[in-house]
Amino acid sequence: MPDPVTYRLDRGVATISMDDGKVNVMTLTMIEGLGAAFARAETDQAVVVLEGRPSVFSAGYDMAMFDEPIEVIAATLQAG
């Protein structure tokens, strides 16, 4: 699966895009990707524009994560 978070920097403006191919649910991968992108924007001293897919920004947490072991659930909630 391609990275659901991309980062583009143009003249001091960082555009962070979420696109998991569906409704941009908050999985551990998405949360970690967003964290890395925001850290990069801070290093670049950039203004941030956060965007989702053309039809949806984000559906929130992935409810399927609650079928995972408690350690995975805890890691996801602590990360985000």
N, C-alpha and C. Protein backbone atom coordinates (compact mmCIF):
# COMPACT_ATOMS: atom_id res chain seq x y z
N MET A 1 0.85 -1.18 0.00
CA MET A 1 0.00 0.00 0.00
C MET A 1 0.89 1.24 0.00
N PRO A 2 0.59 2.20 -0.86
CA PRO A 2 1.38 3.43 -0.86
C PRO A 2 1.17 4.21 0.43
N ASP A 3 2.11 5.09 0.73
CA ASP A 3 2.03 5.92 1.92
C ASP A 3 0.76 6.78 1.85
N PRO A 4 -0.08 6.76 2.89
CA PRO A 4 -1.32 7.53 2.83
C PRO A 4 -1.12 9.03 3.08
N VAL A 5 0.10 9.43 3.45
CA VAL A 5 0.38 10.84 3.72
C VAL A 5 1.50 11.31 2.81
N THR A 6 1.27 12.42 2.13
CA THR A 6 2.31 13.01 1.29
C THR A 6 2.59 14.43 1.76
N TYR A 7 3.79 14.90 1.44
CA TYR A 7 4.25 16.22 1.87
C TYR A 7 4.83 16.94 0.67
N ARG A 8 4.34 18.14 0.42
CA ARG A 8 4.89 18.99 -0.65
C ARG A 8 5.19 20.35 -0.06
N LEU A 9 6.36 20.89 -0.40
CA LEU A 9 6.76 22.21 0.07
C LEU A 9 6.94 23.12 -1.13
N ASP A 10 6.26 24.26 -1.10
CA ASP A 10 6.36 25.22 -2.19
C ASP A 10 6.35 26.63 -1.60
N ARG A 11 7.46 27.32 -1.69
CA ARG A 11 7.60 28.70 -1.23
C ARG A 11 7.11 28.91 0.20
N GLY A 12 7.54 28.03 1.09
CA GLY A 12 7.21 28.19 2.50
C GLY A 12 5.86 27.64 2.92
N VAL A 13 5.14 27.02 2.00
CA VAL A 13 3.84 26.42 2.32
C VAL A 13 3.95 24.91 2.14
N ALA A 14 3.74 24.19 3.23
CA ALA A 14 3.75 22.73 3.19
C ALA A 14 2.31 22.24 3.03
N THR A 15 2.08 21.45 2.00
CA THR A 15 0.77 20.83 1.82
C THR A 15 0.90 19.37 2.23
N ILE A 16 0.16 19.01 3.26
CA ILE A 16 0.15 17.64 3.76
C ILE A 16 -1.18 17.04 3.31
N SER A 17 -1.09 15.96 2.54
CA SER A 17 -2.28 15.34 1.97
C SER A 17 -2.50 13.95 2.55
N MET A 18 -3.76 13.67 2.91
CA MET A 18 -4.16 12.34 3.37
C MET A 18 -4.93 11.68 2.25
N ASP A 19 -4.51 10.48 1.87
CA ASP A 19 -5.23 9.74 0.83
C ASP A 19 -4.94 8.26 0.99
N ASP A 20 -5.84 7.56 1.66
CA ASP A 20 -5.69 6.11 1.82
C ASP A 20 -6.46 5.35 0.75
N GLY A 21 -7.00 6.09 -0.23
CA GLY A 21 -7.76 5.47 -1.30
C GLY A 21 -9.22 5.26 -0.96
N LYS A 22 -9.60 5.58 0.27
CA LYS A 22 -10.98 5.38 0.71
C LYS A 22 -11.48 6.65 1.38
N VAL A 23 -11.67 6.61 2.70
CA VAL A 23 -12.21 7.76 3.42
C VAL A 23 -11.24 8.32 4.47
N ASN A 24 -9.96 8.02 4.31
CA ASN A 24 -8.90 8.57 5.17
C ASN A 24 -9.14 8.31 6.65
N VAL A 25 -9.32 7.05 6.99
CA VAL A 25 -9.50 6.70 8.40
C VAL A 25 -8.17 6.83 9.14
N MET A 26 -8.27 7.15 10.43
CA MET A 26 -7.09 7.33 11.25
C MET A 26 -6.59 5.97 11.77
N THR A 27 -5.66 5.41 11.04
CA THR A 27 -4.97 4.20 11.46
C THR A 27 -3.64 4.61 12.07
N LEU A 28 -2.93 3.66 12.66
CA LEU A 28 -1.61 3.97 13.21
C LEU A 28 -0.69 4.47 12.10
N THR A 29 -0.77 3.87 10.93
CA THR A 29 0.06 4.31 9.80
C THR A 29 -0.24 5.75 9.41
N MET A 30 -1.52 6.11 9.35
CA MET A 30 -1.91 7.48 9.00
C MET A 30 -1.43 8.46 10.07
N ILE A 31 -1.63 8.12 11.33
CA ILE A 31 -1.24 9.01 12.43
C ILE A 31 0.27 9.21 12.45
N GLU A 32 1.02 8.14 12.28
CA GLU A 32 2.48 8.26 12.26
C GLU A 32 2.94 9.09 11.06
N GLY A 33 2.29 8.90 9.92
CA GLY A 33 2.63 9.68 8.73
C GLY A 33 2.35 11.16 8.92
N LEU A 34 1.22 11.47 9.54
CA LEU A 34 0.89 12.87 9.82
C LEU A 34 1.89 13.47 10.80
N GLY A 35 2.27 12.71 11.82
CA GLY A 35 3.25 13.20 12.78
C GLY A 35 4.58 13.52 12.12
N ALA A 36 5.03 12.64 11.24
CA ALA A 36 6.28 12.87 10.52
C ALA A 36 6.18 14.08 9.60
N ALA A 37 5.04 14.24 8.94
CA ALA A 37 4.85 15.37 8.03
C ALA A 37 4.82 16.69 8.80
N PHE A 38 4.13 16.73 9.93
CA PHE A 38 4.10 17.96 10.72
C PHE A 38 5.48 18.28 11.30
N ALA A 39 6.23 17.25 11.69
CA ALA A 39 7.60 17.48 12.17
C ALA A 39 8.47 18.06 11.06
N ARG A 40 8.30 17.55 9.86
CA ARG A 40 9.06 18.08 8.72
C ARG A 40 8.68 19.53 8.44
N ALA A 41 7.40 19.85 8.52
CA ALA A 41 6.95 21.23 8.30
C ALA A 41 7.53 22.16 9.36
N GLU A 42 7.62 21.67 10.58
CA GLU A 42 8.22 22.48 11.65
C GLU A 42 9.69 22.74 11.35
N THR A 43 10.41 21.71 10.92
CA THR A 43 11.81 21.87 10.55
C THR A 43 11.96 22.85 9.39
N ASP A 44 11.05 22.77 8.43
CA ASP A 44 11.08 23.66 7.27
C ASP A 44 10.54 25.06 7.58
N GLN A 45 10.03 25.24 8.80
CA GLN A 45 9.40 26.51 9.22
C GLN A 45 8.33 26.93 8.21
N ALA A 46 7.49 25.99 7.85
CA ALA A 46 6.48 26.20 6.81
C ALA A 46 5.09 26.40 7.42
N VAL A 47 4.28 27.13 6.71
CA VAL A 47 2.84 27.20 6.97
C VAL A 47 2.26 25.88 6.45
N VAL A 48 1.27 25.34 7.14
CA VAL A 48 0.74 24.03 6.76
C VAL A 48 -0.69 24.13 6.23
N VAL A 49 -0.92 23.45 5.12
CA VAL A 49 -2.27 23.21 4.60
C VAL A 49 -2.49 21.71 4.69
N LEU A 50 -3.50 21.28 5.43
CA LEU A 50 -3.82 19.86 5.56
C LEU A 50 -5.05 19.58 4.72
N GLU A 51 -4.93 18.59 3.82
CA GLU A 51 -6.05 18.28 2.93
C GLU A 51 -6.29 16.78 2.88
N GLY A 52 -7.53 16.44 2.51
CA GLY A 52 -7.91 15.05 2.29
C GLY A 52 -8.17 14.81 0.82
N ARG A 53 -8.83 13.70 0.53
CA ARG A 53 -9.22 13.39 -0.85
C ARG A 53 -10.24 14.43 -1.32
N PRO A 54 -10.44 14.55 -2.63
CA PRO A 54 -11.41 15.54 -3.12
C PRO A 54 -12.81 15.39 -2.53
N SER A 55 -13.24 14.18 -2.24
CA SER A 55 -14.61 13.98 -1.77
C SER A 55 -14.75 13.85 -0.25
N VAL A 56 -13.63 13.72 0.47
CA VAL A 56 -13.73 13.51 1.92
C VAL A 56 -12.43 13.94 2.59
N PHE A 57 -12.57 14.58 3.75
CA PHE A 57 -11.39 14.96 4.52
C PHE A 57 -10.92 13.75 5.33
N SER A 58 -11.72 13.30 6.29
CA SER A 58 -11.38 12.12 7.08
C SER A 58 -12.64 11.61 7.77
N ALA A 59 -12.75 10.29 7.84
CA ALA A 59 -13.88 9.66 8.52
C ALA A 59 -13.60 9.44 10.00
N GLY A 60 -12.41 9.80 10.48
CA GLY A 60 -12.07 9.61 11.88
C GLY A 60 -11.34 8.29 12.09
N TYR A 61 -11.36 7.81 13.33
CA TYR A 61 -10.66 6.57 13.65
C TYR A 61 -11.25 5.39 12.89
N ASP A 62 -10.38 4.45 12.54
CA ASP A 62 -10.79 3.22 11.88
C ASP A 62 -11.42 2.30 12.92
N MET A 63 -12.71 2.11 12.85
CA MET A 63 -13.42 1.29 13.84
C MET A 63 -12.94 -0.16 13.83
N ALA A 64 -12.37 -0.61 12.72
CA ALA A 64 -11.84 -1.98 12.65
C ALA A 64 -10.69 -2.18 13.62
N MET A 65 -10.04 -1.09 14.04
CA MET A 65 -8.91 -1.23 14.96
C MET A 65 -9.37 -1.83 16.29
N PHE A 66 -10.65 -1.70 16.63
CA PHE A 66 -11.13 -2.23 17.90
C PHE A 66 -11.25 -3.75 17.89
N ASP A 67 -11.02 -4.37 16.75
CA ASP A 67 -10.92 -5.83 16.66
C ASP A 67 -9.49 -6.31 16.88
N GLU A 68 -8.55 -5.37 16.99
CA GLU A 68 -7.13 -5.69 17.16
C GLU A 68 -6.82 -5.97 18.62
N PRO A 69 -5.64 -6.55 18.90
CA PRO A 69 -5.22 -6.74 20.29
C PRO A 69 -5.15 -5.38 21.01
N ILE A 70 -5.34 -5.41 22.30
CA ILE A 70 -5.38 -4.19 23.10
C ILE A 70 -4.12 -3.35 22.94
N GLU A 71 -2.97 -3.99 22.70
CA GLU A 71 -1.72 -3.26 22.53
C GLU A 71 -1.76 -2.38 21.28
N VAL A 72 -2.36 -2.89 20.22
CA VAL A 72 -2.48 -2.12 18.97
C VAL A 72 -3.45 -0.96 19.17
N ILE A 73 -4.54 -1.22 19.84
CA ILE A 73 -5.51 -0.16 20.12
C ILE A 73 -4.86 0.94 20.95
N ALA A 74 -4.16 0.55 22.01
CA ALA A 74 -3.50 1.53 22.88
C ALA A 74 -2.46 2.34 22.13
N ALA A 75 -1.66 1.68 21.30
CA ALA A 75 -0.63 2.39 20.53
C ALA A 75 -1.26 3.40 19.58
N THR A 76 -2.35 3.03 18.94
CA THR A 76 -3.03 3.94 18.01
C THR A 76 -3.61 5.13 18.74
N LEU A 77 -4.29 4.89 19.84
CA LEU A 77 -4.90 5.99 20.59
C LEU A 77 -3.84 6.90 21.20
N GLN A 78 -2.74 6.35 21.67
CA GLN A 78 -1.67 7.17 22.23
C GLN A 78 -0.97 7.99 21.15
N ALA A 79 -0.86 7.45 19.96
CA ALA A 79 -0.19 8.16 18.87
C ALA A 79 -1.02 9.33 18.38
N GLY A 80 -2.33 9.21 18.43
CA GLY A 80 -3.19 10.23 17.85
C GLY A 80 -3.91 11.01 18.86
